[in-house]
N, C-alpha and C. Protein backbone atom coordinates (compact mmCIF):
# COMPACT_ATOMS: atom_id res chain seq x y z
N MET A 1 -36.09 -26.50 8.06
CA MET A 1 -35.07 -25.65 7.38
C MET A 1 -35.63 -24.07 7.01
N PRO A 2 -36.83 -24.22 6.62
CA PRO A 2 -37.52 -22.59 6.44
C PRO A 2 -37.12 -21.65 7.09
N LEU A 3 -36.97 -22.28 8.85
CA LEU A 3 -36.77 -21.25 9.76
C LEU A 3 -35.12 -20.82 9.62
N SER A 4 -33.84 -21.67 9.20
CA SER A 4 -32.75 -21.69 8.82
C SER A 4 -32.82 -20.47 7.44
N ALA A 5 -33.36 -20.40 7.28
CA ALA A 5 -33.14 -19.54 6.21
C ALA A 5 -32.51 -18.70 6.10
N PRO A 6 -32.95 -17.19 7.18
CA PRO A 6 -32.08 -16.12 6.96
C PRO A 6 -30.29 -16.72 7.47
N GLY A 7 -30.11 -18.00 8.32
CA GLY A 7 -28.85 -17.89 8.01
C GLY A 7 -28.02 -18.86 7.18
N PHE A 8 -28.84 -18.91 6.45
CA PHE A 8 -28.12 -19.61 5.32
C PHE A 8 -28.10 -18.45 4.46
N LEU A 9 -29.15 -17.60 4.30
CA LEU A 9 -28.76 -16.17 3.01
C LEU A 9 -27.52 -15.41 3.59
N THR A 10 -27.09 -15.30 5.46
CA THR A 10 -26.58 -14.54 6.05
C THR A 10 -25.08 -15.51 5.26
N ALA A 11 -24.93 -16.60 5.48
CA ALA A 11 -23.58 -17.27 4.93
C ALA A 11 -23.59 -16.95 3.72
N ILE A 12 -24.38 -17.22 2.86
CA ILE A 12 -23.89 -16.60 1.29
C ILE A 12 -23.21 -15.54 0.75
N VAL A 13 -24.40 -14.78 1.52
CA VAL A 13 -23.99 -13.18 1.41
C VAL A 13 -22.89 -12.76 1.74
N LEU A 14 -21.97 -12.86 2.84
CA LEU A 14 -21.03 -13.21 3.72
C LEU A 14 -20.14 -13.63 3.12
N SER A 15 -19.97 -14.71 2.38
CA SER A 15 -18.92 -15.48 1.91
C SER A 15 -18.71 -15.17 0.57
N PHE A 16 -19.66 -14.41 0.00
CA PHE A 16 -19.77 -13.38 -1.24
C PHE A 16 -18.89 -12.30 -0.94
N ALA A 17 -19.27 -11.59 -0.15
CA ALA A 17 -18.68 -10.31 0.16
C ALA A 17 -17.25 -10.56 0.36
N HIS A 18 -17.24 -11.55 1.38
CA HIS A 18 -15.68 -11.91 1.64
C HIS A 18 -14.75 -12.17 0.55
N THR A 19 -15.26 -12.95 -0.62
CA THR A 19 -14.55 -13.24 -1.88
C THR A 19 -14.63 -12.05 -2.99
N LEU A 20 -15.15 -11.11 -2.75
CA LEU A 20 -15.12 -9.53 -3.76
C LEU A 20 -13.61 -9.29 -3.30
N GLY A 21 -13.02 -9.29 -2.29
CA GLY A 21 -11.72 -8.43 -2.14
C GLY A 21 -10.86 -9.22 -2.21
N GLU A 22 -10.95 -10.63 -2.32
CA GLU A 22 -9.73 -12.21 -2.66
C GLU A 22 -8.81 -11.70 -3.10
N PHE A 23 -7.73 -11.54 -3.12
CA PHE A 23 -6.60 -11.44 -3.83
C PHE A 23 -5.63 -12.67 -4.21
N GLY A 24 -5.17 -13.36 -3.13
CA GLY A 24 -4.02 -14.35 -3.02
C GLY A 24 -4.20 -15.39 -3.54
N VAL A 25 -5.71 -16.09 -3.36
CA VAL A 25 -6.25 -17.43 -4.11
C VAL A 25 -6.27 -17.11 -5.00
N VAL A 26 -7.38 -16.16 -5.54
CA VAL A 26 -7.43 -16.28 -7.00
C VAL A 26 -6.10 -15.66 -7.64
N LEU A 27 -5.26 -14.99 -7.41
CA LEU A 27 -3.77 -14.96 -8.05
C LEU A 27 -3.15 -16.13 -8.06
N MET A 28 -3.48 -16.99 -6.96
CA MET A 28 -2.53 -18.22 -7.33
C MET A 28 -3.33 -19.36 -8.15
N VAL A 29 -4.75 -19.45 -7.75
CA VAL A 29 -5.36 -20.21 -8.91
C VAL A 29 -5.61 -20.02 -10.02
N GLY A 30 -6.00 -18.96 -10.65
CA GLY A 30 -6.40 -18.54 -11.83
C GLY A 30 -5.28 -17.40 -12.55
N GLY A 31 -4.12 -17.29 -11.81
CA GLY A 31 -3.30 -16.23 -12.63
C GLY A 31 -4.15 -14.77 -13.09
N ASN A 32 -3.34 -14.21 -13.43
CA ASN A 32 -4.00 -12.97 -13.94
C ASN A 32 -3.23 -12.80 -15.64
N ILE A 33 -4.70 -13.52 -16.26
CA ILE A 33 -4.63 -13.64 -17.85
C ILE A 33 -5.35 -12.95 -18.33
N PRO A 34 -4.65 -11.69 -18.79
CA PRO A 34 -5.62 -10.92 -19.38
C PRO A 34 -6.49 -10.74 -20.36
N GLY A 35 -7.86 -10.40 -19.91
CA GLY A 35 -9.03 -10.90 -21.12
C GLY A 35 -9.63 -12.02 -20.69
N GLU A 36 -9.14 -12.86 -19.75
CA GLU A 36 -9.83 -13.74 -18.97
C GLU A 36 -10.07 -13.48 -17.32
N THR A 37 -8.67 -13.87 -16.83
CA THR A 37 -9.05 -13.89 -15.34
C THR A 37 -8.93 -12.36 -14.57
N ARG A 38 -9.34 -11.50 -15.13
CA ARG A 38 -8.99 -9.87 -14.63
C ARG A 38 -10.11 -10.36 -13.57
N LEU A 39 -9.97 -9.52 -12.66
CA LEU A 39 -10.65 -9.46 -11.41
C LEU A 39 -10.50 -7.67 -10.96
N ILE A 40 -11.33 -7.63 -10.01
CA ILE A 40 -11.04 -6.11 -9.87
C ILE A 40 -9.96 -5.63 -8.33
N SER A 41 -9.92 -6.97 -7.79
CA SER A 41 -9.09 -6.46 -6.79
C SER A 41 -7.54 -6.96 -7.24
N ILE A 42 -7.33 -7.85 -8.37
CA ILE A 42 -5.98 -7.69 -9.27
C ILE A 42 -5.51 -6.41 -10.30
N ALA A 43 -6.99 -5.65 -10.19
CA ALA A 43 -6.96 -4.90 -11.13
C ALA A 43 -6.10 -3.76 -10.49
N ILE A 44 -6.90 -3.31 -9.27
CA ILE A 44 -6.28 -2.53 -8.06
C ILE A 44 -4.83 -3.17 -7.56
N TYR A 45 -4.19 -3.80 -7.53
CA TYR A 45 -2.95 -3.96 -7.73
C TYR A 45 -2.20 -3.38 -8.52
N ASP A 46 -2.57 -4.13 -9.86
CA ASP A 46 -1.93 -3.56 -11.11
C ASP A 46 -1.75 -1.96 -11.20
N HIS A 47 -2.73 -1.39 -10.58
CA HIS A 47 -3.11 -0.33 -11.34
C HIS A 47 -1.58 0.52 -9.54
N VAL A 48 -1.92 -0.07 -8.44
CA VAL A 48 -0.89 0.42 -7.48
C VAL A 48 0.35 0.43 -7.53
N GLU A 49 1.06 -1.24 -8.44
CA GLU A 49 2.34 -0.96 -8.81
C GLU A 49 2.68 -0.33 -9.93
N SER A 50 1.70 -0.32 -10.64
CA SER A 50 2.05 0.96 -11.60
C SER A 50 2.10 2.38 -11.84
N MET A 51 1.59 2.63 -10.00
CA MET A 51 1.39 3.92 -9.36
C MET A 51 0.35 4.90 -9.65
N ASN A 52 -0.49 4.17 -10.50
CA ASN A 52 -1.28 4.86 -11.06
C ASN A 52 -2.39 5.05 -9.79
N TYR A 53 -2.47 5.57 -8.52
CA TYR A 53 -3.25 5.50 -7.72
C TYR A 53 -4.63 6.07 -7.83
N ALA A 54 -4.65 7.26 -8.77
CA ALA A 54 -6.30 7.45 -9.31
C ALA A 54 -7.08 6.69 -9.23
N ALA A 55 -6.77 5.43 -10.45
CA ALA A 55 -7.56 4.64 -10.91
C ALA A 55 -7.56 3.47 -9.58
N ALA A 56 -6.57 2.93 -9.08
CA ALA A 56 -6.66 2.21 -7.70
C ALA A 56 -7.70 2.66 -6.67
N HIS A 57 -7.80 4.22 -6.58
CA HIS A 57 -8.93 4.63 -5.88
C HIS A 57 -10.30 4.46 -6.09
N ALA A 58 -10.39 4.87 -7.60
CA ALA A 58 -11.67 4.50 -7.95
C ALA A 58 -12.10 3.02 -7.96
N LEU A 59 -11.36 2.60 -7.88
CA LEU A 59 -11.91 0.57 -8.16
C LEU A 59 -11.94 0.51 -6.60
N SER A 60 -11.31 1.03 -5.78
CA SER A 60 -11.41 0.48 -4.56
C SER A 60 -12.76 1.10 -4.24
N LEU A 61 -13.01 2.69 -4.67
CA LEU A 61 -14.51 2.94 -3.52
C LEU A 61 -15.77 2.60 -4.70
N THR A 62 -15.39 1.99 -5.95
CA THR A 62 -16.18 0.96 -6.74
C THR A 62 -16.96 -0.94 -5.84
N LEU A 63 -15.56 -1.33 -5.36
CA LEU A 63 -15.72 -2.47 -4.56
C LEU A 63 -15.96 -2.22 -3.34
N LEU A 64 -15.74 -1.17 -2.41
CA LEU A 64 -16.30 -0.74 -1.10
C LEU A 64 -18.02 -0.55 -1.56
N GLY A 65 -18.26 0.31 -2.34
CA GLY A 65 -19.77 0.45 -2.48
C GLY A 65 -20.67 -0.84 -3.29
N PHE A 66 -20.10 -1.75 -3.98
CA PHE A 66 -20.89 -2.27 -4.17
C PHE A 66 -21.06 -3.55 -3.03
N ALA A 67 -20.14 -4.06 -2.06
CA ALA A 67 -20.21 -4.64 -0.75
C ALA A 67 -20.76 -3.91 0.00
N PHE A 68 -20.55 -2.81 0.21
CA PHE A 68 -21.52 -2.30 1.04
C PHE A 68 -23.17 -2.46 0.60
N SER A 69 -23.27 -1.99 -0.20
CA SER A 69 -24.75 -2.28 -0.92
C SER A 69 -25.31 -4.00 -0.83
N ILE A 70 -24.15 -4.85 -1.22
CA ILE A 70 -24.78 -6.44 -0.91
C ILE A 70 -25.13 -6.34 0.38
N LEU A 71 -23.83 -5.91 1.63
CA LEU A 71 -24.19 -6.30 3.16
C LEU A 71 -25.81 -5.66 3.14
N LEU A 72 -26.05 -4.35 2.72
CA LEU A 72 -26.86 -3.46 3.20
C LEU A 72 -28.64 -4.16 2.83
N ALA A 73 -28.34 -5.00 1.77
CA ALA A 73 -29.21 -5.42 0.92
C ALA A 73 -29.65 -7.02 1.77
N MET A 74 -28.70 -7.50 2.35
CA MET A 74 -28.66 -8.56 2.95
C MET A 74 -29.75 -8.55 4.84
N TYR A 75 -28.59 -7.27 5.37
CA TYR A 75 -29.74 -6.66 6.57
C TYR A 75 -31.04 -6.34 6.19
N TRP A 76 -31.10 -6.08 4.99
CA TRP A 76 -32.48 -5.55 4.73
C TRP A 76 -33.34 -6.76 4.44
N LEU A 77 -32.96 -7.86 4.00
CA LEU A 77 -33.85 -8.99 3.74
C LEU A 77 -33.63 -10.17 4.99
N ASN A 78 -32.69 -10.12 6.01
CA ASN A 78 -32.91 -10.25 7.18
C ASN A 78 -33.88 -10.04 7.89
N ARG A 79 -34.17 -8.54 8.00
CA ARG A 79 -35.28 -7.62 9.06
C ARG A 79 -36.33 -8.16 8.72
N ARG A 80 -36.68 -7.81 7.16
CA ARG A 80 -37.96 -8.12 6.73
C ARG A 80 -38.29 -9.81 6.76
N TRP A 81 -37.31 -11.02 6.74
CA TRP A 81 -37.36 -12.01 7.05
C TRP A 81 -38.21 -12.17 8.10
N LEU A 82 -37.31 -11.80 9.48
CA LEU A 82 -37.93 -12.19 10.76
C LEU A 82 -39.15 -11.38 11.48
N ARG A 83 -39.70 -10.37 10.81
CA ARG A 83 -40.57 -9.43 10.98
C ARG A 83 -41.55 -10.11 10.51
N HIS A 84 -42.10 -10.68 9.31
CA HIS A 84 -42.85 -11.38 8.57
C HIS A 84 -42.80 -12.69 8.78
N ASP A 85 -42.03 -13.53 9.34
CA ASP A 85 -42.35 -15.07 10.00
C ASP A 85 -43.18 -15.06 11.38
């Protein structure tokens, strides 16, 4: 089990990063209830639908930066794990 920890970490982080941009399933299951189920992917969709492209671009850039930093942290942790084991 300890030797597979980097693999588990990678699976968890990649699943989380994929879920960040998920749109269809979240909209079908949770809906778009203002104040309750507001997610960034749905907010981007709402801004595009209302032709507020500047806000959609800002949210998309925020989502991209967050996902990139999560993936970068995962790679850093995996390298550190593999170097010290």
